[in-house]
């Protein structure tokens, strides 16, 4: 493990600890001023202050007393001072002793090296809820193909995209 990898793991740990402490300021300190934060529900906060304000409301409200539990899956350096981190984490509510599987989320984070050390500049959070893709010859696929064909013949729906 490189020194940068250790620092990135430390940053991820600080992020989780700030959440567990319900400290929106410390949580926000893990991000650049111009960071982008997309929550699991698609909410997009632009800038550290917007994200910090939203988490302050969460920590004082519906997520009061919650902990963030998780780990880094991978770190990939894509250029000098830029890394993509994939992690999984889940919010553990104060009345629970173990994490429910339905609460597991996967984060894609972009970290940049700044004069203050590594900071996250983007985070996208999504629930881990894989769906099985039906085979092309399955009933759901055949039904979708048929309905699409009928819709095109009737002139409804979108027109085919021409190259």
N, C-alpha and C. Protein backbone atom coordinates (compact mmCIF):
# COMPACT_ATOMS: atom_id res chain seq x y z
N UNK A 1 0.84 -1.18 0.00
CA UNK A 1 0.00 0.00 0.00
C UNK A 1 0.89 1.24 0.00
N UNK A 2 0.55 2.20 -0.85
CA UNK A 2 1.35 3.42 -0.96
C UNK A 2 0.96 4.40 0.14
N UNK A 3 1.78 5.42 0.32
CA UNK A 3 1.47 6.48 1.29
C UNK A 3 0.16 7.17 0.90
N UNK A 4 -0.04 7.41 -0.40
CA UNK A 4 -1.30 8.03 -0.85
C UNK A 4 -2.49 7.14 -0.51
N UNK A 5 -2.36 5.84 -0.71
CA UNK A 5 -3.46 4.92 -0.38
C UNK A 5 -3.78 4.96 1.11
N UNK A 6 -2.75 5.03 1.94
CA UNK A 6 -2.98 5.12 3.38
C UNK A 6 -3.71 6.42 3.73
N UNK A 7 -3.30 7.52 3.09
CA UNK A 7 -3.96 8.81 3.35
C UNK A 7 -5.41 8.80 2.88
N UNK A 8 -5.68 8.14 1.74
CA UNK A 8 -7.05 8.05 1.24
C UNK A 8 -7.91 7.19 2.17
N UNK A 9 -7.34 6.11 2.67
CA UNK A 9 -8.08 5.27 3.62
C UNK A 9 -8.36 6.04 4.91
N UNK A 10 -7.39 6.85 5.33
CA UNK A 10 -7.58 7.68 6.51
C UNK A 10 -8.70 8.71 6.28
N UNK A 11 -8.73 9.30 5.09
CA UNK A 11 -9.78 10.26 4.75
C UNK A 11 -11.15 9.59 4.80
N UNK A 12 -11.26 8.39 4.24
CA UNK A 12 -12.52 7.64 4.27
C UNK A 12 -12.92 7.34 5.72
N UNK A 13 -11.95 6.97 6.53
CA UNK A 13 -12.22 6.70 7.95
C UNK A 13 -12.68 7.95 8.68
N UNK A 14 -12.05 9.09 8.37
CA UNK A 14 -12.47 10.36 8.99
C UNK A 14 -13.90 10.71 8.59
N UNK A 15 -14.24 10.44 7.34
CA UNK A 15 -15.59 10.69 6.85
C UNK A 15 -16.60 9.87 7.66
N UNK A 16 -16.31 8.58 7.82
CA UNK A 16 -17.22 7.72 8.58
C UNK A 16 -17.28 8.13 10.05
N UNK A 17 -16.15 8.51 10.63
CA UNK A 17 -16.14 8.92 12.04
C UNK A 17 -16.91 10.21 12.24
N UNK A 18 -16.78 11.15 11.30
CA UNK A 18 -17.52 12.41 11.41
C UNK A 18 -19.02 12.14 11.37
N UNK A 19 -19.43 11.21 10.50
CA UNK A 19 -20.85 10.83 10.45
C UNK A 19 -21.26 10.24 11.79
N UNK A 20 -20.48 9.28 12.27
CA UNK A 20 -20.79 8.59 13.53
C UNK A 20 -20.84 9.57 14.70
N UNK A 21 -20.03 10.61 14.65
CA UNK A 21 -20.06 11.67 15.67
C UNK A 21 -21.20 12.65 15.41
N UNK A 22 -21.91 12.48 14.29
CA UNK A 22 -22.98 13.40 13.87
C UNK A 22 -22.46 14.82 13.79
N UNK A 23 -21.25 14.98 13.25
CA UNK A 23 -20.56 16.27 13.16
C UNK A 23 -20.51 16.72 11.71
N UNK A 24 -21.47 17.54 11.30
CA UNK A 24 -21.56 17.98 9.91
C UNK A 24 -20.35 18.81 9.48
N UNK A 25 -19.78 19.58 10.39
CA UNK A 25 -18.60 20.40 10.05
C UNK A 25 -17.40 19.49 9.76
N UNK A 26 -17.16 18.50 10.60
CA UNK A 26 -16.06 17.56 10.36
C UNK A 26 -16.32 16.74 9.11
N UNK A 27 -17.59 16.38 8.86
CA UNK A 27 -17.95 15.65 7.65
C UNK A 27 -17.63 16.52 6.42
N UNK A 28 -18.05 17.77 6.46
CA UNK A 28 -17.79 18.69 5.36
C UNK A 28 -16.32 18.94 5.13
N UNK A 29 -15.52 18.89 6.21
CA UNK A 29 -14.07 19.13 6.09
C UNK A 29 -13.37 18.05 5.26
N UNK A 30 -14.05 16.96 4.97
CA UNK A 30 -13.47 15.89 4.14
C UNK A 30 -13.63 16.20 2.65
N UNK A 31 -14.27 17.32 2.31
CA UNK A 31 -14.60 17.66 0.93
C UNK A 31 -13.99 18.99 0.52
N UNK A 32 -13.79 19.15 -0.79
CA UNK A 32 -13.34 20.42 -1.34
C UNK A 32 -14.50 21.42 -1.28
N UNK A 33 -14.17 22.70 -1.35
CA UNK A 33 -15.19 23.76 -1.32
C UNK A 33 -16.20 23.59 -2.45
N UNK A 34 -15.75 23.13 -3.63
CA UNK A 34 -16.61 23.05 -4.81
C UNK A 34 -17.09 21.62 -5.09
N UNK A 35 -17.15 20.80 -4.06
CA UNK A 35 -17.48 19.39 -4.24
C UNK A 35 -18.92 19.19 -4.74
N UNK A 36 -19.11 18.03 -5.35
CA UNK A 36 -20.44 17.57 -5.78
C UNK A 36 -20.79 16.34 -4.96
N UNK A 37 -22.02 16.29 -4.47
CA UNK A 37 -22.46 15.21 -3.60
C UNK A 37 -23.82 14.75 -4.08
N UNK A 38 -23.89 13.52 -4.58
CA UNK A 38 -25.16 12.96 -5.02
C UNK A 38 -25.55 11.87 -4.05
N UNK A 39 -26.67 12.06 -3.37
CA UNK A 39 -27.15 11.13 -2.37
C UNK A 39 -27.85 9.94 -3.02
N UNK A 40 -28.12 8.92 -2.23
CA UNK A 40 -28.74 7.70 -2.75
C UNK A 40 -30.10 7.96 -3.40
N UNK A 41 -30.77 9.04 -3.02
CA UNK A 41 -32.07 9.34 -3.60
C UNK A 41 -31.97 10.27 -4.82
N UNK A 42 -30.74 10.58 -5.23
CA UNK A 42 -30.54 11.44 -6.39
C UNK A 42 -30.39 12.91 -6.06
N UNK A 43 -30.55 13.29 -4.81
CA UNK A 43 -30.36 14.68 -4.41
C UNK A 43 -28.93 15.10 -4.71
N UNK A 44 -28.76 16.28 -5.29
CA UNK A 44 -27.44 16.77 -5.69
C UNK A 44 -27.12 18.04 -4.93
N UNK A 45 -26.13 17.97 -4.06
CA UNK A 45 -25.64 19.15 -3.35
C UNK A 45 -24.39 19.63 -4.06
N UNK A 46 -24.35 20.92 -4.36
CA UNK A 46 -23.19 21.50 -5.03
C UNK A 46 -22.47 22.40 -4.02
N UNK A 47 -21.24 22.06 -3.74
CA UNK A 47 -20.45 22.83 -2.79
C UNK A 47 -20.50 22.24 -1.40
N UNK A 48 -19.39 22.40 -0.70
CA UNK A 48 -19.27 21.86 0.66
C UNK A 48 -20.37 22.38 1.58
N UNK A 49 -20.67 23.67 1.50
CA UNK A 49 -21.63 24.25 2.44
C UNK A 49 -23.04 23.67 2.26
N UNK A 50 -23.48 23.46 0.99
CA UNK A 50 -24.80 22.86 0.77
C UNK A 50 -24.85 21.45 1.36
N UNK A 51 -23.83 20.67 1.09
CA UNK A 51 -23.77 19.30 1.59
C UNK A 51 -23.69 19.29 3.11
N UNK A 52 -22.89 20.17 3.65
CA UNK A 52 -22.72 20.26 5.11
C UNK A 52 -24.04 20.66 5.78
N UNK A 53 -24.74 21.62 5.18
CA UNK A 53 -26.03 22.06 5.72
C UNK A 53 -27.03 20.91 5.72
N UNK A 54 -27.10 20.16 4.61
CA UNK A 54 -28.03 19.03 4.52
C UNK A 54 -27.70 17.98 5.58
N UNK A 55 -26.41 17.69 5.77
CA UNK A 55 -26.04 16.69 6.78
C UNK A 55 -26.28 17.19 8.20
N UNK A 56 -26.12 18.47 8.43
CA UNK A 56 -26.44 19.01 9.75
C UNK A 56 -27.91 18.76 10.08
N UNK A 57 -28.79 19.01 9.11
CA UNK A 57 -30.22 18.76 9.32
C UNK A 57 -30.48 17.28 9.55
N UNK A 58 -29.80 16.42 8.78
CA UNK A 58 -29.97 14.97 8.95
C UNK A 58 -29.49 14.52 10.33
N UNK A 59 -28.28 14.99 10.72
CA UNK A 59 -27.70 14.57 12.00
C UNK A 59 -28.50 15.07 13.20
N UNK A 60 -29.17 16.21 13.04
CA UNK A 60 -30.01 16.72 14.13
C UNK A 60 -31.44 16.21 14.03
N UNK A 61 -31.75 15.50 12.92
CA UNK A 61 -33.11 15.02 12.68
C UNK A 61 -33.17 13.51 12.54
N UNK A 62 -33.55 13.05 11.35
CA UNK A 62 -33.86 11.63 11.14
C UNK A 62 -32.67 10.70 11.32
N UNK A 63 -31.44 11.20 11.21
CA UNK A 63 -30.26 10.35 11.36
C UNK A 63 -29.50 10.61 12.66
N UNK A 64 -30.15 11.28 13.60
CA UNK A 64 -29.52 11.58 14.90
C UNK A 64 -29.11 10.28 15.58
N UNK A 65 -27.86 10.24 16.02
CA UNK A 65 -27.36 9.06 16.73
C UNK A 65 -26.94 7.92 15.83
N UNK A 66 -27.04 8.10 14.52
CA UNK A 66 -26.66 7.03 13.59
C UNK A 66 -25.15 6.96 13.44
N UNK A 67 -24.69 5.81 12.97
CA UNK A 67 -23.26 5.61 12.68
C UNK A 67 -23.14 5.22 11.22
N UNK A 68 -22.00 5.52 10.62
CA UNK A 68 -21.71 5.09 9.26
C UNK A 68 -20.66 3.99 9.35
N UNK A 69 -20.99 2.83 8.82
CA UNK A 69 -20.12 1.66 8.90
C UNK A 69 -19.81 1.21 7.48
N UNK A 70 -18.53 1.00 7.16
CA UNK A 70 -18.20 0.56 5.82
C UNK A 70 -16.72 0.40 5.61
N UNK A 71 -16.36 0.22 4.35
CA UNK A 71 -14.95 0.01 4.00
C UNK A 71 -14.72 0.37 2.55
N UNK A 72 -13.47 0.55 2.22
CA UNK A 72 -13.06 0.81 0.84
C UNK A 72 -12.93 -0.51 0.10
N UNK A 73 -13.51 -0.55 -1.10
CA UNK A 73 -13.36 -1.72 -1.97
C UNK A 73 -12.14 -1.60 -2.86
N UNK A 74 -11.93 -0.39 -3.40
CA UNK A 74 -10.81 -0.21 -4.31
C UNK A 74 -10.40 1.26 -4.38
N UNK A 75 -9.14 1.46 -4.71
CA UNK A 75 -8.58 2.79 -4.97
C UNK A 75 -7.88 2.70 -6.31
N UNK A 76 -8.21 3.62 -7.21
CA UNK A 76 -7.56 3.64 -8.52
C UNK A 76 -7.07 5.06 -8.79
N UNK A 77 -5.76 5.19 -8.94
CA UNK A 77 -5.17 6.49 -9.24
C UNK A 77 -5.28 6.71 -10.75
N UNK A 78 -5.94 7.81 -11.13
CA UNK A 78 -6.16 8.05 -12.56
C UNK A 78 -5.27 9.16 -13.10
N UNK A 79 -4.49 9.75 -12.26
CA UNK A 79 -3.54 10.78 -12.66
C UNK A 79 -2.86 11.30 -11.41
N UNK A 80 -1.84 12.13 -11.59
CA UNK A 80 -1.17 12.69 -10.41
C UNK A 80 -2.15 13.47 -9.54
N UNK A 81 -2.31 13.04 -8.30
CA UNK A 81 -3.16 13.76 -7.37
C UNK A 81 -4.65 13.56 -7.57
N UNK A 82 -5.06 12.53 -8.31
CA UNK A 82 -6.48 12.25 -8.54
C UNK A 82 -6.70 10.75 -8.38
N UNK A 83 -7.70 10.39 -7.59
CA UNK A 83 -8.00 8.97 -7.38
C UNK A 83 -9.50 8.76 -7.33
N UNK A 84 -9.91 7.59 -7.78
CA UNK A 84 -11.30 7.15 -7.67
C UNK A 84 -11.34 6.05 -6.62
N UNK A 85 -12.24 6.21 -5.68
CA UNK A 85 -12.39 5.25 -4.59
C UNK A 85 -13.79 4.67 -4.67
N UNK A 86 -13.87 3.35 -4.59
CA UNK A 86 -15.17 2.69 -4.45
C UNK A 86 -15.24 2.11 -3.06
N UNK A 87 -16.32 2.41 -2.38
CA UNK A 87 -16.52 1.88 -1.04
C UNK A 87 -17.95 1.43 -0.85
N UNK A 88 -18.14 0.67 0.19
CA UNK A 88 -19.49 0.32 0.59
C UNK A 88 -19.67 0.79 2.03
N UNK A 89 -20.86 1.24 2.32
CA UNK A 89 -21.15 1.70 3.67
C UNK A 89 -22.65 1.59 3.91
N UNK A 90 -23.00 1.63 5.15
CA UNK A 90 -24.40 1.58 5.53
C UNK A 90 -24.58 2.40 6.80
N UNK A 91 -25.75 2.98 6.91
CA UNK A 91 -26.09 3.75 8.10
C UNK A 91 -26.67 2.78 9.13
N UNK A 92 -26.07 2.76 10.29
CA UNK A 92 -26.55 1.95 11.40
C UNK A 92 -27.31 2.86 12.35
N UNK A 93 -28.61 2.66 12.41
CA UNK A 93 -29.45 3.48 13.27
C UNK A 93 -29.21 3.08 14.73
N UNK A 94 -29.41 4.01 15.66
CA UNK A 94 -29.04 3.75 17.05
C UNK A 94 -29.82 2.60 17.70
N UNK A 95 -30.96 2.24 17.18
CA UNK A 95 -31.74 1.15 17.76
C UNK A 95 -31.41 -0.21 17.15
N UNK A 96 -30.47 -0.26 16.22
CA UNK A 96 -30.09 -1.52 15.59
C UNK A 96 -28.74 -2.00 16.11
N UNK A 97 -28.56 -3.32 16.11
CA UNK A 97 -27.27 -3.89 16.50
C UNK A 97 -26.55 -4.49 15.30
N UNK A 98 -27.26 -4.67 14.18
CA UNK A 98 -26.60 -5.13 12.96
C UNK A 98 -27.22 -4.42 11.76
N UNK A 99 -26.45 -4.40 10.68
CA UNK A 99 -26.86 -3.66 9.49
C UNK A 99 -27.85 -4.47 8.67
N UNK A 100 -28.98 -3.86 8.30
CA UNK A 100 -29.89 -4.54 7.37
C UNK A 100 -29.32 -4.47 5.95
N UNK A 101 -29.40 -5.58 5.21
CA UNK A 101 -28.84 -5.62 3.86
C UNK A 101 -29.44 -4.56 2.94
N UNK A 102 -30.72 -4.24 3.13
CA UNK A 102 -31.38 -3.29 2.24
C UNK A 102 -30.82 -1.88 2.39
N UNK A 103 -30.04 -1.61 3.43
CA UNK A 103 -29.47 -0.28 3.65
C UNK A 103 -28.06 -0.14 3.08
N UNK A 104 -27.49 -1.22 2.54
CA UNK A 104 -26.13 -1.17 2.01
C UNK A 104 -26.07 -0.27 0.78
N UNK A 105 -25.09 0.63 0.76
CA UNK A 105 -24.90 1.54 -0.36
C UNK A 105 -23.46 1.42 -0.86
N UNK A 106 -23.28 1.76 -2.12
CA UNK A 106 -21.94 1.81 -2.71
C UNK A 106 -21.66 3.25 -3.09
N UNK A 107 -20.46 3.69 -2.73
CA UNK A 107 -20.06 5.06 -3.02
C UNK A 107 -18.95 5.06 -4.08
N UNK A 108 -19.07 5.98 -5.00
CA UNK A 108 -17.97 6.29 -5.91
C UNK A 108 -17.52 7.69 -5.50
N UNK A 109 -16.27 7.78 -5.10
CA UNK A 109 -15.72 9.06 -4.64
C UNK A 109 -14.53 9.44 -5.52
N UNK A 110 -14.43 10.72 -5.82
CA UNK A 110 -13.26 11.24 -6.52
C UNK A 110 -12.49 12.08 -5.49
N UNK A 111 -11.24 11.73 -5.31
CA UNK A 111 -10.39 12.45 -4.35
C UNK A 111 -9.30 13.19 -5.12
N UNK A 112 -8.95 14.36 -4.59
CA UNK A 112 -7.87 15.15 -5.19
C UNK A 112 -6.90 15.56 -4.08
N UNK A 113 -5.63 15.63 -4.44
CA UNK A 113 -4.62 16.09 -3.48
C UNK A 113 -4.63 17.61 -3.51
N UNK A 114 -4.81 18.21 -2.35
CA UNK A 114 -4.86 19.67 -2.23
C UNK A 114 -3.74 20.11 -1.29
N UNK A 115 -3.64 21.41 -1.07
CA UNK A 115 -2.65 21.90 -0.12
C UNK A 115 -3.00 21.51 1.32
N UNK A 116 -4.25 21.01 1.53
CA UNK A 116 -4.67 20.51 2.83
C UNK A 116 -4.61 18.98 2.90
N UNK A 117 -4.00 18.36 1.90
CA UNK A 117 -3.96 16.90 1.83
C UNK A 117 -5.07 16.41 0.89
N UNK A 118 -5.33 15.11 0.92
CA UNK A 118 -6.37 14.53 0.08
C UNK A 118 -7.75 14.95 0.60
N UNK A 119 -8.62 15.32 -0.36
CA UNK A 119 -10.02 15.65 -0.04
C UNK A 119 -10.91 15.05 -1.13
N UNK A 120 -12.14 14.77 -0.77
CA UNK A 120 -13.10 14.30 -1.76
C UNK A 120 -13.66 15.51 -2.50
N UNK A 121 -13.75 15.40 -3.82
CA UNK A 121 -14.33 16.47 -4.61
C UNK A 121 -15.64 16.05 -5.24
N UNK A 122 -15.94 14.75 -5.19
CA UNK A 122 -17.22 14.25 -5.68
C UNK A 122 -17.54 12.94 -4.97
N UNK A 123 -18.82 12.76 -4.69
CA UNK A 123 -19.31 11.52 -4.11
C UNK A 123 -20.65 11.21 -4.74
N UNK A 124 -20.79 9.98 -5.20
CA UNK A 124 -22.08 9.50 -5.69
C UNK A 124 -22.41 8.26 -4.90
N UNK A 125 -23.57 8.26 -4.29
CA UNK A 125 -23.98 7.19 -3.39
C UNK A 125 -25.21 6.52 -3.98
N UNK A 126 -25.19 5.20 -4.07
CA UNK A 126 -26.35 4.47 -4.58
C UNK A 126 -26.57 3.20 -3.78
N UNK A 127 -27.82 2.83 -3.61
CA UNK A 127 -28.15 1.60 -2.90
C UNK A 127 -27.65 0.39 -3.70
N UNK A 128 -27.24 -0.62 -2.97
CA UNK A 128 -26.84 -1.88 -3.59
C UNK A 128 -28.11 -2.73 -3.66
N UNK A 129 -28.71 -2.71 -4.80
CA UNK A 129 -29.93 -3.49 -5.04
C UNK A 129 -29.89 -4.02 -6.47
N UNK A 130 -29.01 -4.97 -6.72
CA UNK A 130 -28.88 -5.48 -8.09
C UNK A 130 -30.18 -6.12 -8.57
N UNK A 131 -30.46 -5.92 -9.84
CA UNK A 131 -31.59 -6.58 -10.48
C UNK A 131 -31.03 -7.52 -11.55
N UNK A 132 -31.72 -8.59 -11.74
CA UNK A 132 -31.28 -9.52 -12.77
C UNK A 132 -31.81 -9.06 -14.11
N UNK A 133 -30.94 -9.01 -15.10
CA UNK A 133 -31.34 -8.59 -16.44
C UNK A 133 -31.94 -9.80 -17.14
N UNK A 134 -33.20 -9.67 -17.58
CA UNK A 134 -33.83 -10.81 -18.26
C UNK A 134 -33.09 -11.15 -19.56
N UNK A 135 -33.00 -12.43 -19.85
CA UNK A 135 -32.39 -12.88 -21.11
C UNK A 135 -33.23 -12.37 -22.28
N UNK A 136 -32.61 -12.12 -23.45
CA UNK A 136 -33.36 -11.61 -24.60
C UNK A 136 -34.53 -12.50 -25.02
N UNK A 137 -34.43 -13.81 -24.77
CA UNK A 137 -35.50 -14.72 -25.19
C UNK A 137 -36.53 -14.97 -24.07
N UNK A 138 -36.39 -14.30 -22.91
CA UNK A 138 -37.32 -14.51 -21.80
C UNK A 138 -38.66 -13.85 -22.10
N UNK A 139 -39.68 -14.23 -21.35
CA UNK A 139 -41.02 -13.66 -21.53
C UNK A 139 -41.02 -12.14 -21.35
N UNK A 140 -40.42 -11.59 -20.28
CA UNK A 140 -40.43 -10.12 -20.16
C UNK A 140 -39.77 -9.42 -21.35
N UNK A 141 -38.68 -9.99 -21.84
CA UNK A 141 -37.99 -9.37 -22.98
C UNK A 141 -38.85 -9.48 -24.24
N UNK A 142 -39.44 -10.62 -24.48
CA UNK A 142 -40.28 -10.80 -25.67
C UNK A 142 -41.49 -9.87 -25.62
N UNK A 143 -42.07 -9.70 -24.42
CA UNK A 143 -43.22 -8.79 -24.29
C UNK A 143 -42.80 -7.35 -24.59
N UNK A 144 -41.67 -6.93 -24.07
CA UNK A 144 -41.18 -5.56 -24.31
C UNK A 144 -40.90 -5.36 -25.79
N UNK A 145 -40.31 -6.35 -26.44
CA UNK A 145 -40.02 -6.27 -27.88
C UNK A 145 -41.31 -6.15 -28.69
N UNK A 146 -42.31 -6.95 -28.32
CA UNK A 146 -43.59 -6.93 -29.04
C UNK A 146 -44.30 -5.60 -28.86
N UNK A 147 -44.38 -5.11 -27.63
CA UNK A 147 -45.04 -3.83 -27.37
C UNK A 147 -44.31 -2.71 -28.12
N UNK A 148 -42.98 -2.74 -28.12
CA UNK A 148 -42.21 -1.75 -28.86
C UNK A 148 -42.50 -1.80 -30.35
N UNK A 149 -42.58 -3.00 -30.90
CA UNK A 149 -42.87 -3.17 -32.33
C UNK A 149 -44.26 -2.62 -32.67
N UNK A 150 -45.26 -2.96 -31.85
CA UNK A 150 -46.62 -2.48 -32.07
C UNK A 150 -46.67 -0.96 -31.96
N UNK A 151 -46.02 -0.40 -30.97
CA UNK A 151 -46.01 1.05 -30.78
C UNK A 151 -45.42 1.75 -32.01
N UNK A 152 -44.33 1.21 -32.53
CA UNK A 152 -43.72 1.83 -33.72
C UNK A 152 -44.67 1.75 -34.92
N UNK A 153 -45.35 0.62 -35.07
CA UNK A 153 -46.28 0.46 -36.22
C UNK A 153 -47.46 1.42 -36.09
N UNK A 154 -47.86 1.71 -34.83
CA UNK A 154 -48.97 2.62 -34.61
C UNK A 154 -48.53 4.09 -34.60
N UNK A 155 -47.22 4.30 -34.64
CA UNK A 155 -46.70 5.67 -34.66
C UNK A 155 -46.72 6.35 -33.30
N UNK A 156 -46.71 5.58 -32.22
CA UNK A 156 -46.68 6.17 -30.88
C UNK A 156 -45.31 5.93 -30.27
N UNK A 157 -45.00 6.70 -29.25
CA UNK A 157 -43.69 6.57 -28.62
C UNK A 157 -42.65 7.35 -29.37
N UNK A 158 -41.43 7.12 -29.04
CA UNK A 158 -40.35 7.89 -29.67
C UNK A 158 -40.05 7.34 -31.06
N UNK A 159 -39.59 8.21 -31.90
CA UNK A 159 -39.17 7.80 -33.24
C UNK A 159 -37.80 7.14 -33.12
N UNK A 160 -37.51 6.17 -33.98
CA UNK A 160 -36.19 5.54 -33.94
C UNK A 160 -35.09 6.57 -34.19
N UNK A 161 -34.01 6.41 -33.49
CA UNK A 161 -32.85 7.31 -33.65
C UNK A 161 -32.09 6.86 -34.89
N UNK A 162 -31.85 7.79 -35.78
CA UNK A 162 -31.10 7.49 -37.02
C UNK A 162 -29.68 7.99 -36.86
N UNK A 163 -28.70 7.18 -37.27
CA UNK A 163 -27.29 7.64 -37.17
C UNK A 163 -26.98 8.73 -38.15
